[in-house]
């Protein structure tokens, strides 16, 4: 990682990814949900949006991350905040994951990895030599599409700072 002029730049073999931070405009996206419906950032205009990226459905820490969101869902609704979760799993895998765990929020498939890359939330190489897996990350985007909170975790065993996200929602 190289630092210069206040920006963190990550150099990889294929791309240069600028780390997103509070104050940046959130990258637009269009992804398919586990219900096979197209969902875009624009669908959430006028609301706060919490985006959680997670590496893989049906794994321990990912299930804990999303179950924490599920169990706090009423809080987010009460704060006019929408919640979505994104991984590189297929929409079909995500549909089963959502069904088994009872998630009330959309699970979006970034199968082509474009959105994970745009948000700087992707491992070039993950466990078992898997390439292009979403990094565990959390973003809070305000009603105007500006990032107010950004956390991209290098260690997939760590969870996002849920309390910090709640404080940002309440600000």
C-alpha atoms as a PDB file:
ATOM      1  CA  UNK A   1       0.000   0.000   0.000  1.00  0.00           C
ATOM      2  CA  UNK A   2       1.305   3.427  -0.914  1.00  0.00           C
ATOM      3  CA  UNK A   3       0.152   6.632   0.705  1.00  0.00           C
ATOM      4  CA  UNK A   4       0.275  10.043  -0.828  1.00  0.00           C
ATOM      5  CA  UNK A   5      -1.752  13.242  -0.692  1.00  0.00           C
ATOM      6  CA  UNK A   6      -4.077  11.786   1.945  1.00  0.00           C
ATOM      7  CA  UNK A   7      -5.329   8.923  -0.231  1.00  0.00           C
ATOM      8  CA  UNK A   8      -4.712   5.251   0.304  1.00  0.00           C
ATOM      9  CA  UNK A   9      -3.978   3.585  -3.013  1.00  0.00           C
ATOM     10  CA  UNK A  10      -3.822  -0.172  -3.304  1.00  0.00           C
ATOM     11  CA  UNK A  11      -1.828  -1.511  -6.239  1.00  0.00           C
ATOM     12  CA  UNK A  12      -2.802  -4.915  -7.550  1.00  0.00           C
ATOM     13  CA  UNK A  13      -1.752  -6.863 -10.601  1.00  0.00           C
ATOM     14  CA  UNK A  14      -4.778  -5.804 -12.643  1.00  0.00           C
ATOM     15  CA  UNK A  15      -6.156  -2.609 -11.160  1.00  0.00           C
ATOM     16  CA  UNK A  16      -5.502   0.370  -8.939  1.00  0.00           C
ATOM     17  CA  UNK A  17      -8.190   0.747  -6.299  1.00  0.00           C
ATOM     18  CA  UNK A  18      -8.604   3.969  -4.354  1.00  0.00           C
ATOM     19  CA  UNK A  19      -9.883   3.348  -0.841  1.00  0.00           C
ATOM     20  CA  UNK A  20     -13.231   5.047  -0.339  1.00  0.00           C
ATOM     21  CA  UNK A  21     -13.669   7.296   2.677  1.00  0.00           C
ATOM     22  CA  UNK A  22     -16.252   9.504   4.327  1.00  0.00           C
ATOM     23  CA  UNK A  23     -17.143  12.387   2.023  1.00  0.00           C
ATOM     24  CA  UNK A  24     -16.689  10.424  -1.212  1.00  0.00           C
ATOM     25  CA  UNK A  25     -19.575   9.922  -3.615  1.00  0.00           C
ATOM     26  CA  UNK A  26     -20.728   6.301  -3.425  1.00  0.00           C
ATOM     27  CA  UNK A  27     -20.056   4.365  -6.632  1.00  0.00           C
ATOM     28  CA  UNK A  28     -23.250   3.532  -8.501  1.00  0.00           C
ATOM     29  CA  UNK A  29     -24.195  -0.099  -9.013  1.00  0.00           C
ATOM     30  CA  UNK A  30     -26.792  -2.368 -10.555  1.00  0.00           C
ATOM     31  CA  UNK A  31     -26.875  -5.914  -9.201  1.00  0.00           C
ATOM     32  CA  UNK A  32     -29.344  -8.776  -9.093  1.00  0.00           C
ATOM     33  CA  UNK A  33     -30.887  -9.740  -5.784  1.00  0.00           C
ATOM     34  CA  UNK A  34     -31.605 -13.204  -4.461  1.00  0.00           C
ATOM     35  CA  UNK A  35     -35.127 -12.620  -5.858  1.00  0.00           C
ATOM     36  CA  UNK A  36     -33.583 -12.042  -9.332  1.00  0.00           C
ATOM     37  CA  UNK A  37     -34.613  -8.365  -9.317  1.00  0.00           C
ATOM     38  CA  UNK A  38     -32.220  -5.643 -10.434  1.00  0.00           C
ATOM     39  CA  UNK A  39     -31.285  -3.294  -7.586  1.00  0.00           C
ATOM     40  CA  UNK A  40     -29.331  -0.057  -7.998  1.00  0.00           C
ATOM     41  CA  UNK A  41     -27.904   2.587  -5.696  1.00  0.00           C
ATOM     42  CA  UNK A  42     -30.454   5.020  -7.136  1.00  0.00           C
ATOM     43  CA  UNK A  43     -33.269   2.874  -5.667  1.00  0.00           C
ATOM     44  CA  UNK A  44     -32.235   4.160  -2.221  1.00  0.00           C
ATOM     45  CA  UNK A  45     -32.046   7.892  -3.003  1.00  0.00           C
ATOM     46  CA  UNK A  46     -33.541   9.910  -0.155  1.00  0.00           C
ATOM     47  CA  UNK A  47     -32.768   7.215   2.436  1.00  0.00           C
ATOM     48  CA  UNK A  48     -29.721   6.231   4.400  1.00  0.00           C
ATOM     49  CA  UNK A  49     -28.215   3.021   3.041  1.00  0.00           C
ATOM     50  CA  UNK A  50     -26.099   0.537   4.949  1.00  0.00           C
ATOM     51  CA  UNK A  51     -24.082  -1.714   2.627  1.00  0.00           C
ATOM     52  CA  UNK A  52     -22.348  -4.772   4.031  1.00  0.00           C
ATOM     53  CA  UNK A  53     -19.984  -6.744   1.819  1.00  0.00           C
ATOM     54  CA  UNK A  54     -19.256 -10.290   2.966  1.00  0.00           C
ATOM     55  CA  UNK A  55     -16.939 -12.972   1.571  1.00  0.00           C
ATOM     56  CA  UNK A  56     -19.143 -16.060   1.282  1.00  0.00           C
ATOM     57  CA  UNK A  57     -22.612 -17.303   2.152  1.00  0.00           C
ATOM     58  CA  UNK A  58     -22.953 -20.121   4.681  1.00  0.00           C
ATOM     59  CA  UNK A  59     -19.637 -19.413   6.425  1.00  0.00           C
ATOM     60  CA  UNK A  60     -19.322 -18.729  10.149  1.00  0.00           C
ATOM     61  CA  UNK A  61     -18.295 -15.084  10.403  1.00  0.00           C
ATOM     62  CA  UNK A  62     -20.427 -14.065   7.403  1.00  0.00           C
ATOM     63  CA  UNK A  63     -23.477 -15.658   9.005  1.00  0.00           C
ATOM     64  CA  UNK A  64     -22.705 -13.822  12.266  1.00  0.00           C
ATOM     65  CA  UNK A  65     -22.343 -10.512  10.381  1.00  0.00           C
ATOM     66  CA  UNK A  66     -25.653 -10.837   8.565  1.00  0.00           C
ATOM     67  CA  UNK A  67     -27.511 -12.293  11.557  1.00  0.00           C
ATOM     68  CA  UNK A  68     -26.401  -9.232  13.554  1.00  0.00           C
ATOM     69  CA  UNK A  69     -28.021  -7.085  10.852  1.00  0.00           C
ATOM     70  CA  UNK A  70     -31.123  -9.301  10.864  1.00  0.00           C
ATOM     71  CA  UNK A  71     -31.472  -9.059  14.628  1.00  0.00           C
ATOM     72  CA  UNK A  72     -31.071  -5.230  14.549  1.00  0.00           C
ATOM     73  CA  UNK A  73     -33.326  -4.723  11.531  1.00  0.00           C
ATOM     74  CA  UNK A  74     -36.000  -2.830  13.481  1.00  0.00           C
ATOM     75  CA  UNK A  75     -33.424  -0.258  14.568  1.00  0.00           C
ATOM     76  CA  UNK A  76     -32.428   0.483  10.968  1.00  0.00           C
ATOM     77  CA  UNK A  77     -36.056   0.744   9.853  1.00  0.00           C
ATOM     78  CA  UNK A  78     -36.733   3.208  12.663  1.00  0.00           C
ATOM     79  CA  UNK A  79     -33.847   5.400  11.464  1.00  0.00           C
ATOM     80  CA  UNK A  80     -35.076   5.545   7.820  1.00  0.00           C
ATOM     81  CA  UNK A  81     -32.112   3.379   6.846  1.00  0.00           C
ATOM     82  CA  UNK A  82     -32.150   0.545   4.329  1.00  0.00           C
ATOM     83  CA  UNK A  83     -29.798  -2.425   4.623  1.00  0.00           C
ATOM     84  CA  UNK A  84     -28.317  -4.509   1.807  1.00  0.00           C
ATOM     85  CA  UNK A  85     -25.602  -7.150   1.781  1.00  0.00           C
ATOM     86  CA  UNK A  86     -23.364  -7.960  -1.175  1.00  0.00           C
ATOM     87  CA  UNK A  87     -21.132 -10.925  -1.986  1.00  0.00           C
ATOM     88  CA  UNK A  88     -19.733 -12.584  -5.097  1.00  0.00           C
ATOM     89  CA  UNK A  89     -22.008 -15.597  -4.543  1.00  0.00           C
ATOM     90  CA  UNK A  90     -24.613 -16.336  -7.222  1.00  0.00           C
ATOM     91  CA  UNK A  91     -28.180 -15.060  -6.736  1.00  0.00           C
ATOM     92  CA  UNK A  92     -29.278 -18.693  -6.306  1.00  0.00           C
ATOM     93  CA  UNK A  93     -26.839 -19.340  -3.448  1.00  0.00           C
ATOM     94  CA  UNK A  94     -27.883 -16.055  -1.849  1.00  0.00           C
ATOM     95  CA  UNK A  95     -31.574 -17.013  -2.135  1.00  0.00           C
ATOM     96  CA  UNK A  96     -30.960 -20.202  -0.172  1.00  0.00           C
ATOM     97  CA  UNK A  97     -28.806 -18.363   2.392  1.00  0.00           C
ATOM     98  CA  UNK A  98     -31.562 -15.755   2.869  1.00  0.00           C
ATOM     99  CA  UNK A  99     -34.211 -18.465   3.236  1.00  0.00           C
ATOM    100  CA  UNK A 100     -32.218 -20.512   5.768  1.00  0.00           C
ATOM    101  CA  UNK A 101     -31.255 -17.511   7.938  1.00  0.00           C
ATOM    102  CA  UNK A 102     -34.465 -15.465   7.579  1.00  0.00           C
ATOM    103  CA  UNK A 103     -32.834 -12.232   6.401  1.00  0.00           C
ATOM    104  CA  UNK A 104     -35.336  -9.400   5.806  1.00  0.00           C
ATOM    105  CA  UNK A 105     -33.006  -7.305   3.645  1.00  0.00           C
ATOM    106  CA  UNK A 106     -31.815  -7.786   0.065  1.00  0.00           C
ATOM    107  CA  UNK A 107     -28.801  -9.965  -0.664  1.00  0.00           C
ATOM    108  CA  UNK A 108     -27.164  -8.847  -3.895  1.00  0.00           C
ATOM    109  CA  UNK A 109     -24.912 -10.873  -6.170  1.00  0.00           C
ATOM    110  CA  UNK A 110     -21.721  -9.191  -7.335  1.00  0.00           C
ATOM    111  CA  UNK A 111     -20.799 -12.317  -9.260  1.00  0.00           C
ATOM    112  CA  UNK A 112     -18.759 -10.299 -11.765  1.00  0.00           C
ATOM    113  CA  UNK A 113     -16.941  -8.515  -8.909  1.00  0.00           C
ATOM    114  CA  UNK A 114     -17.379  -5.016 -10.374  1.00  0.00           C
ATOM    115  CA  UNK A 115     -19.050  -3.449  -7.337  1.00  0.00           C
ATOM    116  CA  UNK A 116     -16.665  -5.033  -4.831  1.00  0.00           C
ATOM    117  CA  UNK A 117     -13.797  -3.563  -6.863  1.00  0.00           C
ATOM    118  CA  UNK A 118     -15.457  -0.137  -7.129  1.00  0.00           C
ATOM    119  CA  UNK A 119     -15.818  -0.015  -3.333  1.00  0.00           C
ATOM    120  CA  UNK A 120     -12.258  -1.266  -2.733  1.00  0.00           C
ATOM    121  CA  UNK A 121     -13.733  -4.299  -1.005  1.00  0.00           C
ATOM    122  CA  UNK A 122     -12.158  -7.269  -2.750  1.00  0.00           C
ATOM    123  CA  UNK A 123      -9.439  -9.774  -1.997  1.00  0.00           C
ATOM    124  CA  UNK A 124      -7.169 -10.519  -4.925  1.00  0.00           C
ATOM    125  CA  UNK A 125      -6.651 -13.899  -3.313  1.00  0.00           C
ATOM    126  CA  UNK A 126      -8.646 -15.432  -0.459  1.00  0.00           C
ATOM    127  CA  UNK A 127      -8.461 -18.784   1.330  1.00  0.00           C
ATOM    128  CA  UNK A 128      -7.998 -21.931  -0.776  1.00  0.00           C
ATOM    129  CA  UNK A 129      -6.522 -19.718  -3.538  1.00  0.00           C
ATOM    130  CA  UNK A 130      -9.957 -18.313  -4.373  1.00  0.00           C
ATOM    131  CA  UNK A 131      -9.577 -15.132  -6.360  1.00  0.00           C
ATOM    132  CA  UNK A 132     -11.833 -12.075  -6.311  1.00  0.00           C
ATOM    133  CA  UNK A 133     -13.809 -12.590  -3.098  1.00  0.00           C
ATOM    134  CA  UNK A 134     -15.509  -9.612  -1.415  1.00  0.00           C
ATOM    135  CA  UNK A 135     -13.761  -8.266   1.677  1.00  0.00           C
ATOM    136  CA  UNK A 136     -15.837  -7.931   4.815  1.00  0.00           C
ATOM    137  CA  UNK A 137     -16.778  -4.246   4.693  1.00  0.00           C
ATOM    138  CA  UNK A 138     -19.419  -1.785   5.765  1.00  0.00           C
ATOM    139  CA  UNK A 139     -20.485   1.535   4.285  1.00  0.00           C
ATOM    140  CA  UNK A 140     -23.122   4.034   5.388  1.00  0.00           C
ATOM    141  CA  UNK A 141     -24.340   6.229   2.559  1.00  0.00           C
ATOM    142  CA  UNK A 142     -26.493   9.272   3.235  1.00  0.00           C
ATOM    143  CA  UNK A 143     -29.676  10.369   1.478  1.00  0.00           C
ATOM    144  CA  UNK A 144     -27.641  12.203  -1.188  1.00  0.00           C
ATOM    145  CA  UNK A 145     -25.358   9.270  -2.080  1.00  0.00           C
ATOM    146  CA  UNK A 146     -22.342  10.452  -0.057  1.00  0.00           C
ATOM    147  CA  UNK A 147     -20.385   7.960   2.030  1.00  0.00           C
ATOM    148  CA  UNK A 148     -20.533   8.878   5.716  1.00  0.00           C
ATOM    149  CA  UNK A 149     -18.848   5.733   7.077  1.00  0.00           C
ATOM    150  CA  UNK A 150     -16.432   3.330   5.393  1.00  0.00           C
ATOM    151  CA  UNK A 151     -14.743   0.298   6.921  1.00  0.00           C
ATOM    152  CA  UNK A 152     -12.931  -2.310   4.821  1.00  0.00           C
ATOM    153  CA  UNK A 153     -11.472  -5.118   6.907  1.00  0.00           C
ATOM    154  CA  UNK A 154      -8.329  -6.935   5.840  1.00  0.00           C
ATOM    155  CA  UNK A 155      -8.944  -9.830   8.241  1.00  0.00           C
ATOM    156  CA  UNK A 156     -12.065 -11.768   7.222  1.00  0.00           C
ATOM    157  CA  UNK A 157     -12.337 -13.040  10.809  1.00  0.00           C
ATOM    158  CA  UNK A 158     -13.159  -9.528  12.082  1.00  0.00           C
ATOM    159  CA  UNK A 159     -16.632  -8.016  12.145  1.00  0.00           C
ATOM    160  CA  UNK A 160     -17.536  -4.449  11.150  1.00  0.00           C
ATOM    161  CA  UNK A 161     -17.937  -1.887  13.925  1.00  0.00           C
ATOM    162  CA  UNK A 162     -21.736  -2.008  14.229  1.00  0.00           C
ATOM    163  CA  UNK A 163     -21.737   0.604  17.028  1.00  0.00           C
ATOM    164  CA  UNK A 164     -19.798   3.106  14.901  1.00  0.00           C
ATOM    165  CA  UNK A 165     -22.261   2.601  12.052  1.00  0.00           C
ATOM    166  CA  UNK A 166     -25.208   3.249  14.403  1.00  0.00           C
ATOM    167  CA  UNK A 167     -23.539   6.430  15.696  1.00  0.00           C
ATOM    168  CA  UNK A 168     -23.119   7.649  12.118  1.00  0.00           C
ATOM    169  CA  UNK A 169     -26.776   6.895  11.313  1.00  0.00           C
ATOM    170  CA  UNK A 170     -27.867   8.926  14.323  1.00  0.00           C
ATOM    171  CA  UNK A 171     -25.595  11.901  13.480  1.00  0.00           C
END
